[in-house]
Amino acid sequence: MKAHKNNPMHHLTKILSLLIILGGFSSAFAKSTPNSALELVNKVSDAVKAKDTNAYMALINWDGVSDKYKTMTGKIVADCLMQEFRSIELAPLPVSFPLTNEMNGVRYTPNLKVLGLVAIKFRQTNTTHNSVSEMKLPYGQKDGGFYLSGVITERFAPPLTNARPLNIVVEGSGSPDAGEFTGSYVFLQNGREVKGELSSKGNVSKSFWGDYIKSCTVQKISGSDAIKLVISEDAREVFSSPMVESKDPIIYQRK
């Protein structure tokens, strides 16, 4: 999912309301737990269409999830539900789908055995151009019920001293003609260069902790729709390219 800048008071209001919501789950929700993956995706669809954060959050399994992560998840959900819903479907779990992530000394793992994905597409209404973003949410089964997976956090190393959140986003479209692209990036982590690959179709987002992003190059290799490169450091946008339809590379080099 993509990070967007919002008014701090707007976020604070959301967080306070979500704390009330998260503290108010009752056994009534357990009685309506979906009994199949299809029922789960239908209930998620109903919640998203209604922009009902409470109903959406009730479909997530919270076993072992920290209060801090519940609040963060709630904020992300509330932001996503502000977008224009386009479609939802069940999708198989790709072999390459990352179930475990490690950032800044913290390991993030699902709290359920993942059976597949719930893929939701939104048309973004808070951007300056017409684009479609997609969330791919792992789901699983527990005690006969189907849930969106929660996330368990585990600190395995001290946080990096100079680390701050870094984000690379390639924005495209969700249409069949979406641009397929390839590329690479370099960022510094405690003064050490870390390199990564950047290949996908339509939209992709890479997030990590480090000092700063040194360079990034992305180039469309097929498809007719345009792509755009956006780079942020510590929630501040440092680079935003125009939408590029050609196969000319988009290059960012930190000055």
Protein backbone atom coordinates (compact mmCIF):
# COMPACT_ATOMS: atom_id res chain seq x y z
CA MET A 1 0.00 0.00 0.00
CA LYS A 2 1.07 3.80 -0.66
CA ALA A 3 1.76 6.43 1.99
CA HIS A 4 0.11 9.84 1.56
CA LYS A 5 0.69 13.04 3.44
CA ASN A 6 -2.28 14.19 5.50
CA ASN A 7 -3.04 16.87 8.03
CA PRO A 8 -1.61 15.81 11.47
CA MET A 9 -4.81 16.72 13.30
CA HIS A 10 -6.76 14.65 10.80
CA HIS A 11 -4.54 11.66 11.63
CA LEU A 12 -4.84 12.31 15.38
CA THR A 13 -8.63 12.33 15.18
CA LYS A 14 -8.56 9.04 13.27
CA ILE A 15 -6.19 7.42 15.76
CA LEU A 16 -8.32 8.41 18.75
CA SER A 17 -11.49 7.09 17.12
CA LEU A 18 -9.76 3.89 16.07
CA LEU A 19 -8.54 3.27 19.62
CA ILE A 20 -12.17 3.35 20.70
CA ILE A 21 -13.14 1.00 17.86
CA LEU A 22 -10.30 -1.44 18.55
CA GLY A 23 -11.12 -1.54 22.23
CA GLY A 24 -14.78 -2.18 21.51
CA PHE A 25 -14.73 -5.48 19.60
CA SER A 26 -17.17 -7.93 21.17
CA SER A 27 -18.25 -11.53 20.80
CA ALA A 28 -20.91 -10.32 18.37
CA PHE A 29 -18.23 -10.11 15.69
CA ALA A 30 -17.05 -13.67 16.42
CA LYS A 31 -20.56 -14.98 15.73
CA SER A 32 -20.43 -13.53 12.20
CA THR A 33 -16.95 -14.83 11.35
CA PRO A 34 -16.85 -15.86 7.67
CA ASN A 35 -16.96 -19.62 7.15
CA SER A 36 -15.24 -19.58 3.75
CA ALA A 37 -12.81 -17.51 1.73
CA LEU A 38 -15.67 -16.40 -0.54
CA GLU A 39 -17.73 -15.21 2.43
CA LEU A 40 -14.67 -13.34 3.73
CA VAL A 41 -14.10 -11.49 0.46
CA ASN A 42 -17.81 -10.61 0.29
CA LYS A 43 -17.72 -9.16 3.82
CA VAL A 44 -14.53 -7.21 3.05
CA SER A 45 -16.23 -5.90 -0.09
CA ASP A 46 -19.27 -4.76 1.90
CA ALA A 47 -17.04 -2.97 4.45
CA VAL A 48 -14.95 -1.24 1.79
CA LYS A 49 -17.97 -0.12 -0.25
CA ALA A 50 -19.61 1.26 2.90
CA LYS A 51 -16.29 2.84 4.01
CA ASP A 52 -16.96 1.13 7.35
CA THR A 53 -13.63 0.95 9.20
CA ASN A 54 -15.20 -0.84 12.17
CA ALA A 55 -16.61 -3.67 10.02
CA TYR A 56 -13.32 -4.01 8.13
CA MET A 57 -11.22 -4.19 11.28
CA ALA A 58 -13.51 -6.91 12.68
CA LEU A 59 -12.48 -9.17 9.78
CA ILE A 60 -8.81 -9.14 10.83
CA ASN A 61 -7.44 -11.78 13.22
CA TRP A 62 -5.83 -9.89 16.12
CA ASP A 63 -4.26 -12.82 18.02
CA GLY A 64 -0.81 -11.74 19.19
CA VAL A 65 -1.00 -8.33 17.50
CA SER A 66 0.30 -5.44 19.60
CA ASP A 67 -1.91 -2.45 20.44
CA LYS A 68 0.56 -0.21 18.62
CA TYR A 69 0.27 -2.23 15.42
CA LYS A 70 -3.53 -2.37 15.74
CA THR A 71 -3.62 1.42 15.83
CA MET A 72 -1.23 1.72 12.88
CA THR A 73 -3.27 -0.79 10.88
CA GLY A 74 -6.42 1.13 11.66
CA LYS A 75 -4.92 4.36 10.39
CA ILE A 76 -3.85 2.68 7.14
CA VAL A 77 -7.31 1.16 6.67
CA ALA A 78 -9.04 4.50 7.30
CA ASP A 79 -6.79 6.18 4.71
CA CYS A 80 -7.43 3.45 2.14
CA LEU A 81 -11.19 3.62 2.59
CA MET A 82 -11.05 7.29 1.59
CA GLN A 83 -10.14 6.15 -1.95
CA GLU A 84 -12.65 5.21 -4.63
CA PHE A 85 -13.31 1.44 -4.60
CA ARG A 86 -12.92 -0.32 -7.97
CA SER A 87 -12.87 -4.10 -7.53
CA ILE A 88 -12.10 -6.99 -5.17
CA GLU A 89 -11.24 -10.63 -5.76
CA LEU A 90 -9.56 -13.68 -4.26
CA ALA A 91 -6.10 -14.40 -5.62
CA PRO A 92 -3.66 -17.29 -5.16
CA LEU A 93 -0.54 -16.76 -3.08
CA PRO A 94 2.43 -16.18 -5.45
CA VAL A 95 5.59 -18.11 -4.68
CA SER A 96 7.51 -14.83 -4.45
CA PHE A 97 5.04 -13.08 -2.12
CA PRO A 98 6.96 -11.88 0.99
CA LEU A 99 5.25 -13.22 4.11
CA THR A 100 8.00 -12.04 6.46
CA ASN A 101 9.58 -8.59 6.37
CA GLU A 102 12.39 -7.11 8.44
CA MET A 103 12.85 -3.37 8.91
CA ASN A 104 14.96 -1.42 11.38
CA GLY A 105 15.53 -4.43 13.63
CA VAL A 106 11.87 -5.53 13.70
CA ARG A 107 10.53 -8.72 12.08
CA TYR A 108 6.94 -8.68 10.79
CA THR A 109 5.15 -12.04 10.30
CA PRO A 110 1.50 -13.05 9.70
CA ASN A 111 -0.36 -14.53 12.67
CA LEU A 112 -2.16 -17.09 10.48
CA LYS A 113 -1.04 -19.70 7.97
CA VAL A 114 -1.65 -17.76 4.76
CA LEU A 115 -3.94 -19.49 2.25
CA GLY A 116 -4.17 -16.77 -0.38
CA LEU A 117 -4.74 -13.07 -0.98
CA VAL A 118 -7.66 -10.66 -1.07
CA ALA A 119 -6.81 -8.17 -3.83
CA ILE A 120 -8.55 -4.79 -3.65
CA LYS A 121 -8.17 -2.06 -6.27
CA PHE A 122 -8.83 1.63 -5.61
CA ARG A 123 -8.84 4.64 -7.87
CA GLN A 124 -6.80 7.22 -6.02
CA THR A 125 -8.73 10.42 -5.41
CA ASN A 126 -6.06 12.37 -3.51
CA THR A 127 -3.45 12.44 -6.27
CA THR A 128 -2.99 14.89 -9.12
CA HIS A 129 -3.46 12.27 -11.83
CA ASN A 130 -5.74 9.35 -12.56
CA SER A 131 -4.22 6.13 -11.20
CA VAL A 132 -5.25 2.82 -9.68
CA SER A 133 -3.58 1.26 -6.64
CA GLU A 134 -3.96 -2.28 -5.36
CA MET A 135 -3.77 -3.82 -1.89
CA LYS A 136 -2.96 -7.51 -1.64
CA LEU A 137 -4.02 -8.75 1.79
CA PRO A 138 -3.08 -12.22 3.08
CA TYR A 139 -5.89 -14.28 4.56
CA GLY A 140 -6.01 -17.54 6.49
CA GLN A 141 -8.14 -19.82 8.61
CA LYS A 142 -8.39 -20.41 12.35
CA ASP A 143 -10.90 -22.43 14.41
CA GLY A 144 -13.12 -22.88 11.37
CA GLY A 145 -13.26 -19.17 10.53
CA PHE A 146 -11.60 -17.18 7.76
CA TYR A 147 -9.83 -13.88 8.53
CA LEU A 148 -7.53 -11.30 7.04
CA SER A 149 -4.17 -12.00 8.64
CA GLY A 150 -2.89 -9.81 11.44
CA VAL A 151 0.79 -9.04 11.84
CA ILE A 152 3.02 -10.04 14.76
CA THR A 153 6.06 -7.86 15.43
CA GLU A 154 9.28 -9.09 17.01
CA ARG A 155 12.38 -7.01 17.68
CA PHE A 156 15.51 -9.03 16.89
CA ALA A 157 18.11 -6.24 16.79
CA PRO A 158 18.56 -2.70 18.14
CA PRO A 159 17.13 0.03 15.89
CA LEU A 160 19.56 1.68 13.50
CA THR A 161 20.89 4.88 15.04
CA ASN A 162 20.41 7.20 12.05
CA ALA A 163 17.57 5.32 10.40
CA ARG A 164 14.47 6.97 9.03
CA PRO A 165 11.69 5.59 6.82
CA LEU A 166 12.54 5.60 3.11
CA ASN A 167 10.02 4.90 0.36
CA ILE A 168 10.24 4.34 -3.41
CA VAL A 169 6.97 4.23 -5.35
CA VAL A 170 6.42 3.58 -9.05
CA GLU A 171 2.91 4.71 -9.92
CA GLY A 172 1.16 3.33 -12.98
CA SER A 173 -2.26 2.00 -13.83
CA GLY A 174 -4.21 -1.14 -13.07
CA SER A 175 -5.38 -1.66 -16.65
CA PRO A 176 -4.31 -4.49 -18.99
CA ASP A 177 -2.05 -1.96 -20.76
CA ALA A 178 -0.25 -1.05 -17.52
CA GLY A 179 3.42 -0.36 -18.01
CA GLU A 180 5.83 -3.15 -17.12
CA PHE A 181 9.11 -1.80 -15.84
CA THR A 182 12.48 -2.74 -14.45
CA GLY A 183 15.03 -0.82 -12.43
CA SER A 184 17.29 -0.65 -9.41
CA TYR A 185 18.04 1.52 -6.40
CA VAL A 186 20.79 2.22 -3.88
CA PHE A 187 20.27 3.50 -0.34
CA LEU A 188 22.60 4.02 2.59
CA GLN A 189 22.11 2.27 5.93
CA ASN A 190 24.50 3.41 8.66
CA GLY A 191 26.83 4.61 5.91
CA ARG A 192 26.80 1.28 4.05
CA GLU A 193 25.39 1.03 0.52
CA VAL A 194 22.47 -1.37 0.05
CA LYS A 195 21.32 -2.25 -3.47
CA GLY A 196 17.95 -3.57 -4.64
CA GLU A 197 15.98 -4.42 -7.77
CA LEU A 198 12.79 -2.71 -8.86
CA SER A 199 10.76 -4.72 -11.39
CA SER A 200 6.98 -5.03 -11.62
CA LYS A 201 3.90 -3.97 -13.59
CA GLY A 202 1.50 -1.13 -12.92
CA ASN A 203 2.37 -0.11 -9.35
CA VAL A 204 5.01 -1.04 -6.82
CA SER A 205 6.16 0.35 -3.47
CA LYS A 206 9.43 -0.35 -1.65
CA SER A 207 9.86 0.72 1.99
CA PHE A 208 12.88 0.38 4.23
CA TRP A 209 14.87 2.15 6.95
CA GLY A 210 18.14 3.90 6.26
CA ASP A 211 20.04 7.18 6.02
CA TYR A 212 18.88 8.27 2.57
CA ILE A 213 18.24 7.05 -0.98
CA LYS A 214 21.36 7.60 -3.08
CA SER A 215 19.99 6.75 -6.52
CA CYS A 216 17.13 5.07 -8.34
CA THR A 217 16.48 4.27 -11.99
CA VAL A 218 13.32 2.79 -13.48
CA GLN A 219 12.52 2.14 -17.15
CA LYS A 220 9.36 0.93 -18.84
CA ILE A 221 9.90 -2.15 -21.00
CA SER A 222 6.34 -2.81 -22.25
CA GLY A 223 2.76 -1.58 -22.04
CA SER A 224 1.22 1.66 -23.29
CA ASP A 225 0.27 3.31 -19.98
CA ALA A 226 2.62 5.79 -18.32
CA ILE A 227 4.60 5.35 -15.11
CA LYS A 228 5.89 7.81 -12.54
CA LEU A 229 8.66 7.61 -9.92
CA VAL A 230 8.16 9.14 -6.44
CA ILE A 231 10.80 9.04 -3.69
CA SER A 232 10.20 10.02 -0.07
CA GLU A 233 12.47 10.23 2.96
CA ASP A 234 11.09 10.57 6.49
CA ALA A 235 7.58 11.14 5.05
CA ARG A 236 8.91 14.03 2.92
CA GLU A 237 8.76 13.83 -0.88
CA VAL A 238 12.24 14.48 -2.31
CA PHE A 239 11.61 13.52 -5.94
CA SER A 240 8.59 13.21 -8.22
CA SER A 241 8.94 12.61 -11.94
CA PRO A 242 6.32 13.43 -14.56
CA MET A 243 4.25 10.59 -16.00
CA VAL A 244 6.42 8.93 -18.65
CA GLU A 245 4.87 6.96 -21.52
CA SER A 246 8.12 6.29 -23.43
CA LYS A 247 10.82 3.76 -22.64
CA ASP A 248 13.23 6.51 -21.62
CA PRO A 249 14.66 5.79 -18.16
CA ILE A 250 13.53 7.84 -15.18
CA ILE A 251 16.65 8.64 -13.15
CA TYR A 252 16.98 9.96 -9.60
CA GLN A 253 20.42 10.88 -8.27
CA ARG A 254 20.73 12.48 -4.86
CA LYS A 255 22.52 15.81 -5.03
